[in-house]
Amino acid sequence: MANIQFKQLPGSAPSLFPEDTFEKISVNHPVRLVSEVVDQLNIDAVIKQYKGGGTTSYHP
């Protein structure tokens, strides 16, 4: 299997926005729980299907 490398997101901020949008979300907002759950998902099966090639991509 190829050595797959993904682009790193800068910190916990989305890279598509010029400012840190997480600062605008309150500490108790439900989206923070959703983000935490998604970060803990086991996506090994998805990564195993990734063929690689071309430029590096963002982590699924």
PDB file of N, CA and C in Angstrom:
ATOM      1  N   MET A   1       0.844  -1.184   0.000  1.00  0.00           N
ATOM      2  CA  MET A   1       0.000   0.000   0.000  1.00  0.00           C
ATOM      3  C   MET A   1       0.885   1.242   0.000  1.00  0.00           C
ATOM      4  N   ALA A   2       0.492   2.248  -0.745  1.00  0.00           N
ATOM      5  CA  ALA A   2       1.265   3.486  -0.853  1.00  0.00           C
ATOM      6  C   ALA A   2       1.223   4.266   0.461  1.00  0.00           C
ATOM      7  N   ASN A   3       2.241   5.065   0.671  1.00  0.00           N
ATOM      8  CA  ASN A   3       2.287   5.930   1.850  1.00  0.00           C
ATOM      9  C   ASN A   3       1.414   7.152   1.568  1.00  0.00           C
ATOM     10  N   ILE A   4       0.210   7.162   2.101  1.00  0.00           N
ATOM     11  CA  ILE A   4      -0.747   8.235   1.831  1.00  0.00           C
ATOM     12  C   ILE A   4      -0.510   9.390   2.786  1.00  0.00           C
ATOM     13  N   GLN A   5      -0.395  10.575   2.225  1.00  0.00           N
ATOM     14  CA  GLN A   5      -0.221  11.773   3.037  1.00  0.00           C
ATOM     15  C   GLN A   5      -1.345  12.741   2.722  1.00  0.00           C
ATOM     16  N   PHE A   6      -1.916  13.334   3.758  1.00  0.00           N
ATOM     17  CA  PHE A   6      -2.981  14.305   3.595  1.00  0.00           C
ATOM     18  C   PHE A   6      -2.486  15.690   3.974  1.00  0.00           C
ATOM     19  N   LYS A   7      -3.078  16.725   3.374  1.00  0.00           N
ATOM     20  CA  LYS A   7      -2.777  18.098   3.750  1.00  0.00           C
ATOM     21  C   LYS A   7      -3.271  18.325   5.177  1.00  0.00           C
ATOM     22  N   GLN A   8      -2.530  19.082   5.932  1.00  0.00           N
ATOM     23  CA  GLN A   8      -2.923  19.380   7.303  1.00  0.00           C
ATOM     24  C   GLN A   8      -3.722  20.671   7.348  1.00  0.00           C
ATOM     25  N   LEU A   9      -4.816  20.664   8.096  1.00  0.00           N
ATOM     26  CA  LEU A   9      -5.569  21.897   8.306  1.00  0.00           C
ATOM     27  C   LEU A   9      -4.837  22.721   9.356  1.00  0.00           C
ATOM     28  N   PRO A  10      -4.814  24.017   9.195  1.00  0.00           N
ATOM     29  CA  PRO A  10      -4.120  24.855  10.184  1.00  0.00           C
ATOM     30  C   PRO A  10      -4.869  24.887  11.512  1.00  0.00           C
ATOM     31  N   GLY A  11      -4.361  24.200  12.505  1.00  0.00           N
ATOM     32  CA  GLY A  11      -5.009  24.158  13.823  1.00  0.00           C
ATOM     33  C   GLY A  11      -6.368  23.510  13.734  1.00  0.00           C
ATOM     34  N   SER A  12      -7.340  24.071  14.428  1.00  0.00           N
ATOM     35  CA  SER A  12      -8.700  23.540  14.370  1.00  0.00           C
ATOM     36  C   SER A  12      -9.592  24.426  13.520  1.00  0.00           C
ATOM     37  N   ALA A  13      -8.996  25.342  12.766  1.00  0.00           N
ATOM     38  CA  ALA A  13      -9.771  26.278  11.952  1.00  0.00           C
ATOM     39  C   ALA A  13      -9.968  25.736  10.542  1.00  0.00           C
ATOM     40  N   PRO A  14     -11.151  25.943   9.977  1.00  0.00           N
ATOM     41  CA  PRO A  14     -11.354  25.545   8.582  1.00  0.00           C
ATOM     42  C   PRO A  14     -10.422  26.355   7.680  1.00  0.00           C
ATOM     43  N   SER A  15      -9.840  25.714   6.688  1.00  0.00           N
ATOM     44  CA  SER A  15      -8.893  26.413   5.830  1.00  0.00           C
ATOM     45  C   SER A  15      -9.571  27.194   4.715  1.00  0.00           C
ATOM     46  N   LEU A  16     -10.861  27.018   4.544  1.00  0.00           N
ATOM     47  CA  LEU A  16     -11.558  27.708   3.467  1.00  0.00           C
ATOM     48  C   LEU A  16     -12.006  29.113   3.854  1.00  0.00           C
ATOM     49  N   PHE A  17     -11.871  29.470   5.086  1.00  0.00           N
ATOM     50  CA  PHE A  17     -12.317  30.774   5.547  1.00  0.00           C
ATOM     51  C   PHE A  17     -11.127  31.573   6.067  1.00  0.00           C
ATOM     52  N   PRO A  18     -11.104  32.881   5.798  1.00  0.00           N
ATOM     53  CA  PRO A  18      -9.955  33.690   6.225  1.00  0.00           C
ATOM     54  C   PRO A  18      -9.877  33.934   7.723  1.00  0.00           C
ATOM     55  N   GLU A  19     -10.961  33.737   8.431  1.00  0.00           N
ATOM     56  CA  GLU A  19     -10.945  33.955   9.882  1.00  0.00           C
ATOM     57  C   GLU A  19     -11.326  32.672  10.602  1.00  0.00           C
ATOM     58  N   ASP A  20     -11.072  32.629  11.877  1.00  0.00           N
ATOM     59  CA  ASP A  20     -11.407  31.449  12.673  1.00  0.00           C
ATOM     60  C   ASP A  20     -12.899  31.484  13.003  1.00  0.00           C
ATOM     61  N   THR A  21     -13.697  30.732  12.257  1.00  0.00           N
ATOM     62  CA  THR A  21     -15.147  30.743  12.463  1.00  0.00           C
ATOM     63  C   THR A  21     -15.539  30.069  13.774  1.00  0.00           C
ATOM     64  N   PHE A  22     -14.671  29.219  14.325  1.00  0.00           N
ATOM     65  CA  PHE A  22     -14.986  28.547  15.583  1.00  0.00           C
ATOM     66  C   PHE A  22     -15.040  29.528  16.753  1.00  0.00           C
ATOM     67  N   GLU A  23     -14.380  30.662  16.623  1.00  0.00           N
ATOM     68  CA  GLU A  23     -14.447  31.676  17.678  1.00  0.00           C
ATOM     69  C   GLU A  23     -15.844  32.275  17.780  1.00  0.00           C
ATOM     70  N   LYS A  24     -16.605  32.212  16.698  1.00  0.00           N
ATOM     71  CA  LYS A  24     -17.951  32.790  16.675  1.00  0.00           C
ATOM     72  C   LYS A  24     -19.013  31.829  17.191  1.00  0.00           C
ATOM     73  N   ILE A  25     -18.633  30.591  17.471  1.00  0.00           N
ATOM     74  CA  ILE A  25     -19.576  29.581  17.956  1.00  0.00           C
ATOM     75  C   ILE A  25     -19.457  29.496  19.473  1.00  0.00           C
ATOM     76  N   SER A  26     -20.579  29.612  20.152  1.00  0.00           N
ATOM     77  CA  SER A  26     -20.554  29.588  21.613  1.00  0.00           C
ATOM     78  C   SER A  26     -20.042  28.243  22.125  1.00  0.00           C
ATOM     79  N   VAL A  27     -19.504  28.253  23.325  1.00  0.00           N
ATOM     80  CA  VAL A  27     -18.902  27.064  23.927  1.00  0.00           C
ATOM     81  C   VAL A  27     -19.921  25.939  24.079  1.00  0.00           C
ATOM     82  N   ASN A  28     -21.169  26.247  24.355  1.00  0.00           N
ATOM     83  CA  ASN A  28     -22.197  25.231  24.595  1.00  0.00           C
ATOM     84  C   ASN A  28     -23.023  24.886  23.365  1.00  0.00           C
ATOM     85  N   HIS A  29     -22.635  25.370  22.185  1.00  0.00           N
ATOM     86  CA  HIS A  29     -23.410  25.113  20.970  1.00  0.00           C
ATOM     87  C   HIS A  29     -23.318  23.629  20.593  1.00  0.00           C
ATOM     88  N   PRO A  30     -24.430  23.023  20.149  1.00  0.00           N
ATOM     89  CA  PRO A  30     -24.440  21.593  19.798  1.00  0.00           C
ATOM     90  C   PRO A  30     -23.458  21.225  18.681  1.00  0.00           C
ATOM     91  N   VAL A  31     -23.109  22.146  17.832  1.00  0.00           N
ATOM     92  CA  VAL A  31     -22.185  21.831  16.737  1.00  0.00           C
ATOM     93  C   VAL A  31     -20.819  21.402  17.268  1.00  0.00           C
ATOM     94  N   ARG A  32     -20.463  21.851  18.450  1.00  0.00           N
ATOM     95  CA  ARG A  32     -19.193  21.424  19.047  1.00  0.00           C
ATOM     96  C   ARG A  32     -19.233  19.933  19.403  1.00  0.00           C
ATOM     97  N   LEU A  33     -20.369  19.454  19.857  1.00  0.00           N
ATOM     98  CA  LEU A  33     -20.525  18.028  20.145  1.00  0.00           C
ATOM     99  C   LEU A  33     -20.452  17.226  18.850  1.00  0.00           C
ATOM    100  N   VAL A  34     -21.132  17.707  17.813  1.00  0.00           N
ATOM    101  CA  VAL A  34     -21.103  17.031  16.517  1.00  0.00           C
ATOM    102  C   VAL A  34     -19.667  16.952  16.002  1.00  0.00           C
ATOM    103  N   SER A  35     -18.936  18.045  16.101  1.00  0.00           N
ATOM    104  CA  SER A  35     -17.540  18.080  15.661  1.00  0.00           C
ATOM    105  C   SER A  35     -16.694  17.066  16.427  1.00  0.00           C
ATOM    106  N   GLU A  36     -16.924  16.976  17.715  1.00  0.00           N
ATOM    107  CA  GLU A  36     -16.177  16.031  18.560  1.00  0.00           C
ATOM    108  C   GLU A  36     -16.470  14.581  18.167  1.00  0.00           C
ATOM    109  N   VAL A  37     -17.740  14.287  17.906  1.00  0.00           N
ATOM    110  CA  VAL A  37     -18.130  12.929  17.512  1.00  0.00           C
ATOM    111  C   VAL A  37     -17.533  12.581  16.152  1.00  0.00           C
ATOM    112  N   VAL A  38     -17.615  13.505  15.196  1.00  0.00           N
ATOM    113  CA  VAL A  38     -17.070  13.259  13.862  1.00  0.00           C
ATOM    114  C   VAL A  38     -15.567  13.030  13.926  1.00  0.00           C
ATOM    115  N   ASP A  39     -14.872  13.780  14.767  1.00  0.00           N
ATOM    116  CA  ASP A  39     -13.421  13.621  14.903  1.00  0.00           C
ATOM    117  C   ASP A  39     -13.046  12.248  15.455  1.00  0.00           C
ATOM    118  N   GLN A  40     -13.974  11.583  16.146  1.00  0.00           N
ATOM    119  CA  GLN A  40     -13.685  10.284  16.734  1.00  0.00           C
ATOM    120  C   GLN A  40     -14.144   9.107  15.866  1.00  0.00           C
ATOM    121  N   LEU A  41     -14.751   9.389  14.710  1.00  0.00           N
ATOM    122  CA  LEU A  41     -15.210   8.315  13.831  1.00  0.00           C
ATOM    123  C   LEU A  41     -14.032   7.527  13.283  1.00  0.00           C
ATOM    124  N   ASN A  42     -14.218   6.235  13.170  1.00  0.00           N
ATOM    125  CA  ASN A  42     -13.196   5.371  12.585  1.00  0.00           C
ATOM    126  C   ASN A  42     -13.446   5.325  11.080  1.00  0.00           C
ATOM    127  N   ILE A  43     -12.580   5.984  10.315  1.00  0.00           N
ATOM    128  CA  ILE A  43     -12.752   6.027   8.864  1.00  0.00           C
ATOM    129  C   ILE A  43     -11.640   5.244   8.155  1.00  0.00           C
ATOM    130  N   ASP A  44     -11.095   4.262   8.833  1.00  0.00           N
ATOM    131  CA  ASP A  44     -10.026   3.455   8.247  1.00  0.00           C
ATOM    132  C   ASP A  44     -10.461   2.790   6.937  1.00  0.00           C
ATOM    133  N   ALA A  45     -11.703   2.334   6.857  1.00  0.00           N
ATOM    134  CA  ALA A  45     -12.192   1.682   5.634  1.00  0.00           C
ATOM    135  C   ALA A  45     -12.200   2.662   4.462  1.00  0.00           C
ATOM    136  N   VAL A  46     -12.518   3.911   4.724  1.00  0.00           N
ATOM    137  CA  VAL A  46     -12.512   4.934   3.675  1.00  0.00           C
ATOM    138  C   VAL A  46     -11.084   5.206   3.220  1.00  0.00           C
ATOM    139  N   ILE A  47     -10.181   5.328   4.172  1.00  0.00           N
ATOM    140  CA  ILE A  47      -8.786   5.616   3.844  1.00  0.00           C
ATOM    141  C   ILE A  47      -8.157   4.460   3.075  1.00  0.00           C
ATOM    142  N   LYS A  48      -8.519   3.232   3.395  1.00  0.00           N
ATOM    143  CA  LYS A  48      -7.974   2.071   2.683  1.00  0.00           C
ATOM    144  C   LYS A  48      -8.369   2.082   1.210  1.00  0.00           C
ATOM    145  N   GLN A  49      -9.520   2.654   0.879  1.00  0.00           N
ATOM    146  CA  GLN A  49      -9.981   2.699  -0.507  1.00  0.00           C
ATOM    147  C   GLN A  49      -9.320   3.822  -1.302  1.00  0.00           C
ATOM    148  N   TYR A  50      -8.661   4.744  -0.632  1.00  0.00           N
ATOM    149  CA  TYR A  50      -8.027   5.875  -1.299  1.00  0.00           C
ATOM    150  C   TYR A  50      -6.839   5.382  -2.106  1.00  0.00           C
ATOM    151  N   LYS A  51      -6.826   5.673  -3.380  1.00  0.00           N
ATOM    152  CA  LYS A  51      -5.787   5.178  -4.278  1.00  0.00           C
ATOM    153  C   LYS A  51      -4.525   6.039  -4.253  1.00  0.00           C
ATOM    154  N   GLY A  52      -4.664   7.302  -3.866  1.00  0.00           N
ATOM    155  CA  GLY A  52      -3.508   8.193  -3.885  1.00  0.00           C
ATOM    156  C   GLY A  52      -3.234   8.685  -5.291  1.00  0.00           C
ATOM    157  N   GLY A  53      -2.090   9.307  -5.457  1.00  0.00           N
ATOM    158  CA  GLY A  53      -1.730   9.848  -6.757  1.00  0.00           C
ATOM    159  C   GLY A  53      -2.054  11.329  -6.840  1.00  0.00           C
ATOM    160  N   GLY A  54      -1.387  12.007  -7.740  1.00  0.00           N
ATOM    161  CA  GLY A  54      -1.622  13.439  -7.885  1.00  0.00           C
ATOM    162  C   GLY A  54      -1.097  14.195  -6.676  1.00  0.00           C
ATOM    163  N   THR A  55      -1.646  15.342  -6.445  1.00  0.00           N
ATOM    164  CA  THR A  55      -1.230  16.150  -5.305  1.00  0.00           C
ATOM    165  C   THR A  55      -1.873  15.632  -4.022  1.00  0.00           C
ATOM    166  N   THR A  56      -1.388  16.050  -2.883  1.00  0.00           N
ATOM    167  CA  THR A  56      -1.985  15.617  -1.627  1.00  0.00           C
ATOM    168  C   THR A  56      -3.405  16.178  -1.516  1.00  0.00           C
ATOM    169  N   SER A  57      -4.245  15.447  -0.822  1.00  0.00           N
ATOM    170  CA  SER A  57      -5.633  15.892  -0.643  1.00  0.00           C
ATOM    171  C   SER A  57      -5.896  16.124   0.833  1.00  0.00           C
ATOM    172  N   TYR A  58      -7.064  16.690   1.123  1.00  0.00           N
ATOM    173  CA  TYR A  58      -7.442  16.905   2.521  1.00  0.00           C
ATOM    174  C   TYR A  58      -7.952  15.610   3.123  1.00  0.00           C
ATOM    175  N   HIS A  59      -7.740  15.424   4.397  1.00  0.00           N
ATOM    176  CA  HIS A  59      -8.200  14.235   5.113  1.00  0.00           C
ATOM    177  C   HIS A  59      -9.720  14.139   4.997  1.00  0.00           C
ATOM    178  N   PRO A  60     -10.226  12.933   4.739  1.00  0.00           N
ATOM    179  CA  PRO A  60     -11.685  12.780   4.592  1.00  0.00           C
ATOM    180  C   PRO A  60     -12.422  13.204   5.836  1.00  0.00           C
TER     181      PRO A  60
END
